[in-house]
Amino acid sequence: MRTKVAFCLWGDRIAPRYDRSQMVWIVTLEGNTVVHETTLAAEHLEPTSLCSAVAAQEVGTLICGGVMDQCRRILTRSGVVIIDNIIGSPRAVLKRFLAGTLSPGTVVD
């Protein structure tokens, strides 16, 4: 079964706030194997437009720093699971996610 995980980025780190992401890195997984990667430019999108763009990509899980309540509601209604308050480099965070050891508030480096 394929699933998509989105990581909100600020440079080479997880963005401290969802609505301030420069880019969203979307990873498609087949089990624990990455089968596709893509990015979505987010820097100039309004928060609700970013929510729509993420939902349109059929993302199942979103990993970010903080997330506004309005965005949380929109994404949750779209079926997106949010793992927030994450700090770290995206590849290290992905490894923790794949290992099943990523939970809200995790600091990864």
PDB file of N, CA and C in Angstrom:
ATOM      1  N   MET A   1       0.836  -1.186   0.000  1.00  0.00           N
ATOM      2  CA  MET A   1       0.000   0.000   0.000  1.00  0.00           C
ATOM      3  C   MET A   1       0.881   1.251   0.000  1.00  0.00           C
ATOM      4  N   ARG A   2       0.568   2.180  -0.867  1.00  0.00           N
ATOM      5  CA  ARG A   2       1.332   3.430  -0.951  1.00  0.00           C
ATOM      6  C   ARG A   2       0.728   4.486  -0.047  1.00  0.00           C
ATOM      7  N   THR A   3       1.606   5.214   0.601  1.00  0.00           N
ATOM      8  CA  THR A   3       1.192   6.352   1.424  1.00  0.00           C
ATOM      9  C   THR A   3       2.096   7.526   1.111  1.00  0.00           C
ATOM     10  N   LYS A   4       1.579   8.723   1.343  1.00  0.00           N
ATOM     11  CA  LYS A   4       2.369   9.937   1.132  1.00  0.00           C
ATOM     12  C   LYS A   4       2.545  10.666   2.452  1.00  0.00           C
ATOM     13  N   VAL A   5       3.780  11.115   2.660  1.00  0.00           N
ATOM     14  CA  VAL A   5       4.130  11.880   3.854  1.00  0.00           C
ATOM     15  C   VAL A   5       4.705  13.207   3.389  1.00  0.00           C
ATOM     16  N   ALA A   6       4.203  14.301   3.942  1.00  0.00           N
ATOM     17  CA  ALA A   6       4.680  15.634   3.578  1.00  0.00           C
ATOM     18  C   ALA A   6       5.466  16.232   4.738  1.00  0.00           C
ATOM     19  N   PHE A   7       6.579  16.858   4.397  1.00  0.00           N
ATOM     20  CA  PHE A   7       7.449  17.510   5.373  1.00  0.00           C
ATOM     21  C   PHE A   7       7.520  18.985   5.023  1.00  0.00           C
ATOM     22  N   CYS A   8       7.140  19.859   5.952  1.00  0.00           N
ATOM     23  CA  CYS A   8       7.219  21.293   5.741  1.00  0.00           C
ATOM     24  C   CYS A   8       8.650  21.746   6.015  1.00  0.00           C
ATOM     25  N   LEU A   9       9.247  22.425   5.041  1.00  0.00           N
ATOM     26  CA  LEU A   9      10.662  22.767   5.136  1.00  0.00           C
ATOM     27  C   LEU A   9      10.916  24.271   5.160  1.00  0.00           C
ATOM     28  N   TRP A  10      11.940  24.615   5.902  1.00  0.00           N
ATOM     29  CA  TRP A  10      12.523  25.955   5.887  1.00  0.00           C
ATOM     30  C   TRP A  10      14.016  25.721   5.689  1.00  0.00           C
ATOM     31  N   GLY A  11      14.478  25.935   4.468  1.00  0.00           N
ATOM     32  CA  GLY A  11      15.865  25.595   4.157  1.00  0.00           C
ATOM     33  C   GLY A  11      16.051  24.096   4.255  1.00  0.00           C
ATOM     34  N   ASP A  12      17.043  23.673   5.029  1.00  0.00           N
ATOM     35  CA  ASP A  12      17.315  22.239   5.168  1.00  0.00           C
ATOM     36  C   ASP A  12      16.828  21.680   6.502  1.00  0.00           C
ATOM     37  N   ARG A  13      15.809  22.315   7.069  1.00  0.00           N
ATOM     38  CA  ARG A  13      15.243  21.907   8.360  1.00  0.00           C
ATOM     39  C   ARG A  13      13.721  21.820   8.251  1.00  0.00           C
ATOM     40  N   ILE A  14      13.111  21.147   9.204  1.00  0.00           N
ATOM     41  CA  ILE A  14      11.649  21.177   9.314  1.00  0.00           C
ATOM     42  C   ILE A  14      11.269  22.616   9.671  1.00  0.00           C
ATOM     43  N   ALA A  15      10.308  23.166   8.969  1.00  0.00           N
ATOM     44  CA  ALA A  15       9.887  24.558   9.204  1.00  0.00           C
ATOM     45  C   ALA A  15       9.313  24.705  10.609  1.00  0.00           C
ATOM     46  N   PRO A  16       9.661  25.788  11.295  1.00  0.00           N
ATOM     47  CA  PRO A  16       9.135  25.985  12.644  1.00  0.00           C
ATOM     48  C   PRO A  16       7.618  26.202  12.672  1.00  0.00           C
ATOM     49  N   ARG A  17       7.066  26.681  11.546  1.00  0.00           N
ATOM     50  CA  ARG A  17       5.615  26.873  11.434  1.00  0.00           C
ATOM     51  C   ARG A  17       5.162  26.437  10.050  1.00  0.00           C
ATOM     52  N   TYR A  18       4.070  25.712  10.023  1.00  0.00           N
ATOM     53  CA  TYR A  18       3.493  25.215   8.771  1.00  0.00           C
ATOM     54  C   TYR A  18       3.278  26.344   7.775  1.00  0.00           C
ATOM     55  N   ASP A  19       2.695  27.445   8.237  1.00  0.00           N
ATOM     56  CA  ASP A  19       2.333  28.547   7.344  1.00  0.00           C
ATOM     57  C   ASP A  19       3.532  29.382   6.906  1.00  0.00           C
ATOM     58  N   ARG A  20       4.717  29.053   7.375  1.00  0.00           N
ATOM     59  CA  ARG A  20       5.936  29.764   6.968  1.00  0.00           C
ATOM     60  C   ARG A  20       6.880  28.864   6.171  1.00  0.00           C
ATOM     61  N   SER A  21       6.375  27.738   5.701  1.00  0.00           N
ATOM     62  CA  SER A  21       7.195  26.804   4.935  1.00  0.00           C
ATOM     63  C   SER A  21       7.636  27.442   3.620  1.00  0.00           C
ATOM     64  N   GLN A  22       8.887  27.180   3.263  1.00  0.00           N
ATOM     65  CA  GLN A  22       9.371  27.596   1.950  1.00  0.00           C
ATOM     66  C   GLN A  22       9.025  26.538   0.908  1.00  0.00           C
ATOM     67  N   MET A  23       9.009  25.283   1.357  1.00  0.00           N
ATOM     68  CA  MET A  23       8.788  24.165   0.454  1.00  0.00           C
ATOM     69  C   MET A  23       8.165  23.015   1.240  1.00  0.00           C
ATOM     70  N   VAL A  24       7.421  22.185   0.540  1.00  0.00           N
ATOM     71  CA  VAL A  24       6.901  20.951   1.130  1.00  0.00           C
ATOM     72  C   VAL A  24       7.505  19.795   0.338  1.00  0.00           C
ATOM     73  N   TRP A  25       8.203  18.920   1.059  1.00  0.00           N
ATOM     74  CA  TRP A  25       8.811  17.726   0.470  1.00  0.00           C
ATOM     75  C   TRP A  25       7.818  16.590   0.671  1.00  0.00           C
ATOM     76  N   ILE A  26       7.377  15.984  -0.417  1.00  0.00           N
ATOM     77  CA  ILE A  26       6.385  14.920  -0.351  1.00  0.00           C
ATOM     78  C   ILE A  26       7.047  13.604  -0.769  1.00  0.00           C
ATOM     79  N   VAL A  27       6.989  12.651   0.138  1.00  0.00           N
ATOM     80  CA  VAL A  27       7.615  11.344  -0.058  1.00  0.00           C
ATOM     81  C   VAL A  27       6.505  10.302  -0.190  1.00  0.00           C
ATOM     82  N   THR A  28       6.563   9.519  -1.248  1.00  0.00           N
ATOM     83  CA  THR A  28       5.629   8.416  -1.429  1.00  0.00           C
ATOM     84  C   THR A  28       6.323   7.145  -0.964  1.00  0.00           C
ATOM     85  N   LEU A  29       5.644   6.426  -0.081  1.00  0.00           N
ATOM     86  CA  LEU A  29       6.203   5.210   0.503  1.00  0.00           C
ATOM     87  C   LEU A  29       5.416   3.986   0.064  1.00  0.00           C
ATOM     88  N   GLU A  30       6.145   2.928  -0.197  1.00  0.00           N
ATOM     89  CA  GLU A  30       5.565   1.596  -0.402  1.00  0.00           C
ATOM     90  C   GLU A  30       6.109   0.787   0.762  1.00  0.00           C
ATOM     91  N   GLY A  31       5.291   0.595   1.787  1.00  0.00           N
ATOM     92  CA  GLY A  31       5.791   0.030   3.034  1.00  0.00           C
ATOM     93  C   GLY A  31       6.771   1.024   3.645  1.00  0.00           C
ATOM     94  N   ASN A  32       7.997   0.591   3.881  1.00  0.00           N
ATOM     95  CA  ASN A  32       9.028   1.483   4.422  1.00  0.00           C
ATOM     96  C   ASN A  32      10.045   1.907   3.368  1.00  0.00           C
ATOM     97  N   THR A  33       9.690   1.757   2.103  1.00  0.00           N
ATOM     98  CA  THR A  33      10.590   2.110   1.019  1.00  0.00           C
ATOM     99  C   THR A  33      10.097   3.370   0.314  1.00  0.00           C
ATOM    100  N   VAL A  34      10.992   4.333   0.131  1.00  0.00           N
ATOM    101  CA  VAL A  34      10.665   5.547  -0.616  1.00  0.00           C
ATOM    102  C   VAL A  34      10.649   5.181  -2.098  1.00  0.00           C
ATOM    103  N   VAL A  35       9.498   5.398  -2.742  1.00  0.00           N
ATOM    104  CA  VAL A  35       9.382   5.071  -4.163  1.00  0.00           C
ATOM    105  C   VAL A  35       9.275   6.316  -5.037  1.00  0.00           C
ATOM    106  N   HIS A  36       9.017   7.461  -4.411  1.00  0.00           N
ATOM    107  CA  HIS A  36       8.931   8.706  -5.182  1.00  0.00           C
ATOM    108  C   HIS A  36       9.088   9.885  -4.238  1.00  0.00           C
ATOM    109  N   GLU A  37       9.714  10.931  -4.739  1.00  0.00           N
ATOM    110  CA  GLU A  37       9.850  12.178  -3.989  1.00  0.00           C
ATOM    111  C   GLU A  37       9.502  13.336  -4.911  1.00  0.00           C
ATOM    112  N   THR A  38       8.850  14.324  -4.368  1.00  0.00           N
ATOM    113  CA  THR A  38       8.542  15.540  -5.112  1.00  0.00           C
ATOM    114  C   THR A  38       8.515  16.709  -4.142  1.00  0.00           C
ATOM    115  N   THR A  39       8.550  17.901  -4.669  1.00  0.00           N
ATOM    116  CA  THR A  39       8.463  19.092  -3.820  1.00  0.00           C
ATOM    117  C   THR A  39       7.360  20.003  -4.323  1.00  0.00           C
ATOM    118  N   LEU A  40       6.863  20.787  -3.412  1.00  0.00           N
ATOM    119  CA  LEU A  40       5.807  21.741  -3.685  1.00  0.00           C
ATOM    120  C   LEU A  40       6.277  23.087  -3.156  1.00  0.00           C
ATOM    121  N   ALA A  41       6.383  24.080  -4.025  1.00  0.00           N
ATOM    122  CA  ALA A  41       6.781  25.417  -3.582  1.00  0.00           C
ATOM    123  C   ALA A  41       5.669  25.984  -2.714  1.00  0.00           C
ATOM    124  N   ALA A  42       6.033  26.466  -1.531  1.00  0.00           N
ATOM    125  CA  ALA A  42       5.021  26.912  -0.575  1.00  0.00           C
ATOM    126  C   ALA A  42       5.208  28.355  -0.137  1.00  0.00           C
ATOM    127  N   GLU A  43       6.333  28.911  -0.446  1.00  0.00           N
ATOM    128  CA  GLU A  43       6.747  30.210   0.076  1.00  0.00           C
ATOM    129  C   GLU A  43       5.743  31.333  -0.162  1.00  0.00           C
ATOM    130  N   HIS A  44       5.085  31.314  -1.316  1.00  0.00           N
ATOM    131  CA  HIS A  44       4.181  32.415  -1.658  1.00  0.00           C
ATOM    132  C   HIS A  44       2.702  32.047  -1.539  1.00  0.00           C
ATOM    133  N   LEU A  45       2.421  30.901  -0.948  1.00  0.00           N
ATOM    134  CA  LEU A  45       1.028  30.474  -0.790  1.00  0.00           C
ATOM    135  C   LEU A  45       0.453  30.953   0.536  1.00  0.00           C
ATOM    136  N   GLU A  46      -0.777  31.359   0.507  1.00  0.00           N
ATOM    137  CA  GLU A  46      -1.500  31.667   1.741  1.00  0.00           C
ATOM    138  C   GLU A  46      -1.711  30.348   2.487  1.00  0.00           C
ATOM    139  N   PRO A  47      -1.835  30.385   3.814  1.00  0.00           N
ATOM    140  CA  PRO A  47      -1.983  29.142   4.577  1.00  0.00           C
ATOM    141  C   PRO A  47      -3.111  28.232   4.083  1.00  0.00           C
ATOM    142  N   THR A  48      -4.271  28.789   3.775  1.00  0.00           N
ATOM    143  CA  THR A  48      -5.378  27.930   3.331  1.00  0.00           C
ATOM    144  C   THR A  48      -5.119  27.358   1.943  1.00  0.00           C
ATOM    145  N   SER A  49      -4.423  28.103   1.091  1.00  0.00           N
ATOM    146  CA  SER A  49      -4.058  27.582  -0.230  1.00  0.00           C
ATOM    147  C   SER A  49      -3.053  26.445  -0.092  1.00  0.00           C
ATOM    148  N   LEU A  50      -2.154  26.570   0.869  1.00  0.00           N
ATOM    149  CA  LEU A  50      -1.194  25.491   1.126  1.00  0.00           C
ATOM    150  C   LEU A  50      -1.925  24.239   1.611  1.00  0.00           C
ATOM    151  N   CYS A  51      -2.929  24.429   2.452  1.00  0.00           N
ATOM    152  CA  CYS A  51      -3.740  23.282   2.909  1.00  0.00           C
ATOM    153  C   CYS A  51      -4.384  22.576   1.724  1.00  0.00           C
ATOM    154  N   SER A  52      -4.953  23.348   0.814  1.00  0.00           N
ATOM    155  CA  SER A  52      -5.596  22.772  -0.369  1.00  0.00           C
ATOM    156  C   SER A  52      -4.591  22.037  -1.241  1.00  0.00           C
ATOM    157  N   ALA A  53      -3.402  22.627  -1.403  1.00  0.00           N
ATOM    158  CA  ALA A  53      -2.361  22.005  -2.226  1.00  0.00           C
ATOM    159  C   ALA A  53      -1.891  20.684  -1.616  1.00  0.00           C
ATOM    160  N   VAL A  54      -1.720  20.655  -0.306  1.00  0.00           N
ATOM    161  CA  VAL A  54      -1.298  19.425   0.377  1.00  0.00           C
ATOM    162  C   VAL A  54      -2.391  18.363   0.256  1.00  0.00           C
ATOM    163  N   ALA A  55      -3.620  18.746   0.489  1.00  0.00           N
ATOM    164  CA  ALA A  55      -4.733  17.798   0.387  1.00  0.00           C
ATOM    165  C   ALA A  55      -4.869  17.265  -1.047  1.00  0.00           C
ATOM    166  N   ALA A  56      -4.652  18.124  -2.028  1.00  0.00           N
ATOM    167  CA  ALA A  56      -4.758  17.706  -3.431  1.00  0.00           C
ATOM    168  C   ALA A  56      -3.697  16.665  -3.798  1.00  0.00           C
ATOM    169  N   GLN A  57      -2.588  16.644  -3.075  1.00  0.00           N
ATOM    170  CA  GLN A  57      -1.532  15.657  -3.307  1.00  0.00           C
ATOM    171  C   GLN A  57      -1.848  14.310  -2.641  1.00  0.00           C
ATOM    172  N   GLU A  58      -2.990  14.237  -1.960  1.00  0.00           N
ATOM    173  CA  GLU A  58      -3.437  13.021  -1.268  1.00  0.00           C
ATOM    174  C   GLU A  58      -2.436  12.560  -0.211  1.00  0.00           C
ATOM    175  N   VAL A  59      -1.945  13.549   0.540  1.00  0.00           N
ATOM    176  CA  VAL A  59      -1.006  13.288   1.629  1.00  0.00           C
ATOM    177  C   VAL A  59      -1.761  12.668   2.796  1.00  0.00           C
ATOM    178  N   GLY A  60      -1.180  11.624   3.386  1.00  0.00           N
ATOM    179  CA  GLY A  60      -1.798  10.973   4.544  1.00  0.00           C
ATOM    180  C   GLY A  60      -1.282  11.513   5.863  1.00  0.00           C
ATOM    181  N   THR A  61      -0.007  11.928   5.881  1.00  0.00           N
ATOM    182  CA  THR A  61       0.622  12.438   7.099  1.00  0.00           C
ATOM    183  C   THR A  61       1.404  13.690   6.771  1.00  0.00           C
ATOM    184  N   LEU A  62       1.266  14.703   7.617  1.00  0.00           N
ATOM    185  CA  LEU A  62       2.012  15.950   7.486  1.00  0.00           C
ATOM    186  C   LEU A  62       2.902  16.106   8.707  1.00  0.00           C
ATOM    187  N   ILE A  63       4.179  16.373   8.481  1.00  0.00           N
ATOM    188  CA  ILE A  63       5.143  16.565   9.564  1.00  0.00           C
ATOM    189  C   ILE A  63       5.632  17.999   9.502  1.00  0.00           C
ATOM    190  N   CYS A  64       5.522  18.702  10.640  1.00  0.00           N
ATOM    191  CA  CYS A  64       5.863  20.123  10.653  1.00  0.00           C
ATOM    192  C   CYS A  64       6.245  20.571  12.055  1.00  0.00           C
ATOM    193  N   GLY A  65       6.601  21.846  12.158  1.00  0.00           N
ATOM    194  CA  GLY A  65       6.805  22.461  13.464  1.00  0.00           C
ATOM    195  C   GLY A  65       5.422  22.775  14.027  1.00  0.00           C
ATOM    196  N   GLY A  66       5.124  24.036  14.193  1.00  0.00           N
ATOM    197  CA  GLY A  66       3.801  24.439  14.661  1.00  0.00           C
ATOM    198  C   GLY A  66       2.817  24.520  13.509  1.00  0.00           C
ATOM    199  N   VAL A  67       1.541  24.450  13.835  1.00  0.00           N
ATOM    200  CA  VAL A  67       0.502  24.564  12.807  1.00  0.00           C
ATOM    201  C   VAL A  67      -0.670  25.366  13.386  1.00  0.00           C
ATOM    202  N   MET A  68      -1.152  26.331  12.599  1.00  0.00           N
ATOM    203  CA  MET A  68      -2.274  27.167  13.026  1.00  0.00           C
ATOM    204  C   MET A  68      -3.527  26.309  13.183  1.00  0.00           C
ATOM    205  N   ASP A  69      -4.386  26.686  14.117  1.00  0.00           N
ATOM    206  CA  ASP A  69      -5.622  25.934  14.356  1.00  0.00           C
ATOM    207  C   ASP A  69      -6.476  25.817  13.099  1.00  0.00           C
ATOM    208  N   GLN A  70      -6.588  26.914  12.336  1.00  0.00           N
ATOM    209  CA  GLN A  70      -7.395  26.899  11.120  1.00  0.00           C
ATOM    210  C   GLN A  70      -6.853  25.854  10.133  1.00  0.00           C
ATOM    211  N   CYS A  71      -5.543  25.833   9.948  1.00  0.00           N
ATOM    212  CA  CYS A  71      -4.930  24.853   9.041  1.00  0.00           C
ATOM    213  C   CYS A  71      -5.099  23.438   9.581  1.00  0.00           C
ATOM    214  N   ARG A  72      -4.951  23.284  10.885  1.00  0.00           N
ATOM    215  CA  ARG A  72      -5.134  21.963  11.496  1.00  0.00           C
ATOM    216  C   ARG A  72      -6.536  21.428  11.204  1.00  0.00           C
ATOM    217  N   ARG A  73      -7.551  22.282  11.344  1.00  0.00           N
ATOM    218  CA  ARG A  73      -8.927  21.860  11.081  1.00  0.00           C
ATOM    219  C   ARG A  73      -9.124  21.464   9.617  1.00  0.00           C
ATOM    220  N   ILE A  74      -8.603  22.296   8.700  1.00  0.00           N
ATOM    221  CA  ILE A  74      -8.758  22.019   7.268  1.00  0.00           C
ATOM    222  C   ILE A  74      -8.079  20.700   6.902  1.00  0.00           C
ATOM    223  N   LEU A  75      -6.855  20.528   7.358  1.00  0.00           N
ATOM    224  CA  LEU A  75      -6.102  19.318   7.020  1.00  0.00           C
ATOM    225  C   LEU A  75      -6.721  18.075   7.642  1.00  0.00           C
ATOM    226  N   THR A  76      -7.136  18.174   8.887  1.00  0.00           N
ATOM    227  CA  THR A  76      -7.750  17.036   9.574  1.00  0.00           C
ATOM    228  C   THR A  76      -9.043  16.626   8.870  1.00  0.00           C
ATOM    229  N   ARG A  77      -9.841  17.611   8.460  1.00  0.00           N
ATOM    230  CA  ARG A  77     -11.076  17.306   7.719  1.00  0.00           C
ATOM    231  C   ARG A  77     -10.778  16.621   6.394  1.00  0.00           C
ATOM    232  N   SER A  78      -9.590  16.886   5.839  1.00  0.00           N
ATOM    233  CA  SER A  78      -9.180  16.262   4.578  1.00  0.00           C
ATOM    234  C   SER A  78      -8.574  14.878   4.788  1.00  0.00           C
ATOM    235  N   GLY A  79      -8.506  14.442   6.050  1.00  0.00           N
ATOM    236  CA  GLY A  79      -7.986  13.115   6.352  1.00  0.00           C
ATOM    237  C   GLY A  79      -6.485  13.061   6.593  1.00  0.00           C
ATOM    238  N   VAL A  80      -5.845  14.225   6.733  1.00  0.00           N
ATOM    239  CA  VAL A  80      -4.403  14.283   6.955  1.00  0.00           C
ATOM    240  C   VAL A  80      -4.106  14.167   8.452  1.00  0.00           C
ATOM    241  N   VAL A  81      -3.226  13.248   8.807  1.00  0.00           N
ATOM    242  CA  VAL A  81      -2.746  13.111  10.181  1.00  0.00           C
ATOM    243  C   VAL A  81      -1.567  14.063  10.341  1.00  0.00           C
ATOM    244  N   ILE A  82      -1.578  14.857  11.408  1.00  0.00           N
ATOM    245  CA  ILE A  82      -0.522  15.847  11.624  1.00  0.00           C
ATOM    246  C   ILE A  82       0.372  15.404  12.781  1.00  0.00           C
ATOM    247  N   ILE A  83       1.666  15.382  12.511  1.00  0.00           N
ATOM    248  CA  ILE A  83       2.664  15.170  13.561  1.00  0.00           C
ATOM    249  C   ILE A  83       3.406  16.492  13.675  1.00  0.00           C
ATOM    250  N   ASP A  84       3.128  17.236  14.739  1.00  0.00           N
ATOM    251  CA  ASP A  84       3.668  18.585  14.841  1.00  0.00           C
ATOM    252  C   ASP A  84       4.686  18.743  15.966  1.00  0.00           C
ATOM    253  N   ASN A  85       5.197  19.962  16.049  1.00  0.00           N
ATOM    254  CA  ASN A  85       6.236  20.314  17.029  1.00  0.00           C
ATOM    255  C   ASN A  85       7.496  19.474  16.826  1.00  0.00           C
ATOM    256  N   ILE A  86       7.808  19.230  15.561  1.00  0.00           N
ATOM    257  CA  ILE A  86       8.992  18.453  15.194  1.00  0.00           C
ATOM    258  C   ILE A  86      10.127  19.414  14.863  1.00  0.00           C
ATOM    259  N   ILE A  87      11.320  19.093  15.335  1.00  0.00           N
ATOM    260  CA  ILE A  87      12.522  19.878  15.041  1.00  0.00           C
ATOM    261  C   ILE A  87      13.563  18.912  14.483  1.00  0.00           C
ATOM    262  N   GLY A  88      14.202  19.300  13.378  1.00  0.00           N
ATOM    263  CA  GLY A  88      15.285  18.470  12.858  1.00  0.00           C
ATOM    264  C   GLY A  88      15.436  18.556  11.356  1.00  0.00           C
ATOM    265  N   SER A  89      16.374  17.783  10.845  1.00  0.00           N
ATOM    266  CA  SER A  89      16.591  17.706   9.402  1.00  0.00           C
ATOM    267  C   SER A  89      15.583  16.718   8.816  1.00  0.00           C
ATOM    268  N   PRO A  90      15.077  17.006   7.633  1.00  0.00           N
ATOM    269  CA  PRO A  90      14.013  16.163   7.074  1.00  0.00           C
ATOM    270  C   PRO A  90      14.395  14.691   6.896  1.00  0.00           C
ATOM    271  N   ARG A  91      15.593  14.413   6.447  1.00  0.00           N
ATOM    272  CA  ARG A  91      15.995  13.011   6.233  1.00  0.00           C
ATOM    273  C   ARG A  91      16.069  12.255   7.566  1.00  0.00           C
ATOM    274  N   ALA A  92      16.572  12.921   8.603  1.00  0.00           N
ATOM    275  CA  ALA A  92      16.626  12.278   9.925  1.00  0.00           C
ATOM    276  C   ALA A  92      15.220  12.064  10.478  1.00  0.00           C
ATOM    277  N   VAL A  93      14.339  13.030  10.245  1.00  0.00           N
ATOM    278  CA  VAL A  93      12.946  12.902  10.688  1.00  0.00           C
ATOM    279  C   VAL A  93      12.265  11.762   9.928  1.00  0.00           C
ATOM    280  N   LEU A  94      12.525  11.657   8.629  1.00  0.00           N
ATOM    281  CA  LEU A  94      11.966  10.557   7.840  1.00  0.00           C
ATOM    282  C   LEU A  94      12.404   9.207   8.417  1.00  0.00           C
ATOM    283  N   LYS A  95      13.665   9.076   8.777  1.00  0.00           N
ATOM    284  CA  LYS A  95      14.150   7.813   9.360  1.00  0.00           C
ATOM    285  C   LYS A  95      13.391   7.469  10.632  1.00  0.00           C
ATOM    286  N   ARG A  96      13.161   8.474  11.473  1.00  0.00           N
ATOM    287  CA  ARG A  96      12.406   8.230  12.716  1.00  0.00           C
ATOM    288  C   ARG A  96      10.962   7.854  12.389  1.00  0.00           C
ATOM    289  N   PHE A  97      10.374   8.511  11.403  1.00  0.00           N
ATOM    290  CA  PHE A  97       9.006   8.190  11.003  1.00  0.00           C
ATOM    291  C   PHE A  97       8.926   6.737  10.532  1.00  0.00           C
ATOM    292  N   LEU A  98       9.867   6.336   9.681  1.00  0.00           N
ATOM    293  CA  LEU A  98       9.871   4.968   9.156  1.00  0.00           C
ATOM    294  C   LEU A  98      10.104   3.933  10.253  1.00  0.00           C
ATOM    295  N   ALA A  99      10.849   4.320  11.287  1.00  0.00           N
ATOM    296  CA  ALA A  99      11.108   3.413  12.413  1.00  0.00           C
ATOM    297  C   ALA A  99       9.927   3.361  13.379  1.00  0.00           C
ATOM    298  N   GLY A 100       8.947   4.259  13.172  1.00  0.00           N
ATOM    299  CA  GLY A 100       7.789   4.290  14.059  1.00  0.00           C
ATOM    300  C   GLY A 100       8.058   4.966  15.386  1.00  0.00           C
ATOM    301  N   THR A 101       9.113   5.784  15.453  1.00  0.00           N
ATOM    302  CA  THR A 101       9.484   6.429  16.717  1.00  0.00           C
ATOM    303  C   THR A 101       9.317   7.942  16.689  1.00  0.00           C
ATOM    304  N   LEU A 102       8.552   8.456  15.716  1.00  0.00           N
ATOM    305  CA  LEU A 102       8.318   9.892  15.635  1.00  0.00           C
ATOM    306  C   LEU A 102       6.976  10.214  16.264  1.00  0.00           C
ATOM    307  N   SER A 103       6.975  11.106  17.227  1.00  0.00           N
ATOM    308  CA  SER A 103       5.741  11.554  17.859  1.00  0.00           C
ATOM    309  C   SER A 103       5.812  13.065  18.021  1.00  0.00           C
ATOM    310  N   PRO A 104       4.659  13.725  18.215  1.00  0.00           N
ATOM    311  CA  PRO A 104       4.682  15.178  18.389  1.00  0.00           C
ATOM    312  C   PRO A 104       5.687  15.593  19.465  1.00  0.00           C
ATOM    313  N   GLY A 105       6.438  16.655  19.150  1.00  0.00           N
ATOM    314  CA  GLY A 105       7.410  17.188  20.088  1.00  0.00           C
ATOM    315  C   GLY A 105       8.789  16.574  19.995  1.00  0.00           C
ATOM    316  N   THR A 106       9.007  15.696  19.015  1.00  0.00           N
ATOM    317  CA  THR A 106      10.305  15.032  18.886  1.00  0.00           C
ATOM    318  C   THR A 106      11.348  15.988  18.291  1.00  0.00           C
ATOM    319  N   VAL A 107      12.524  15.979  18.893  1.00  0.00           N
ATOM    320  CA  VAL A 107      13.672  16.714  18.361  1.00  0.00           C
ATOM    321  C   VAL A 107      14.625  15.677  17.773  1.00  0.00           C
ATOM    322  N   VAL A 108      14.932  15.831  16.485  1.00  0.00           N
ATOM    323  CA  VAL A 108      15.762  14.862  15.761  1.00  0.00           C
ATOM    324  C   VAL A 108      16.958  15.594  15.175  1.00  0.00           C
ATOM    325  N   ASP A 109      18.144  15.090  15.422  1.00  0.00           N
ATOM    326  CA  ASP A 109      19.348  15.668  14.769  1.00  0.00           C
ATOM    327  C   ASP A 109      20.432  14.669  14.619  1.00  0.00           C
TER     328      ASP A 109
END
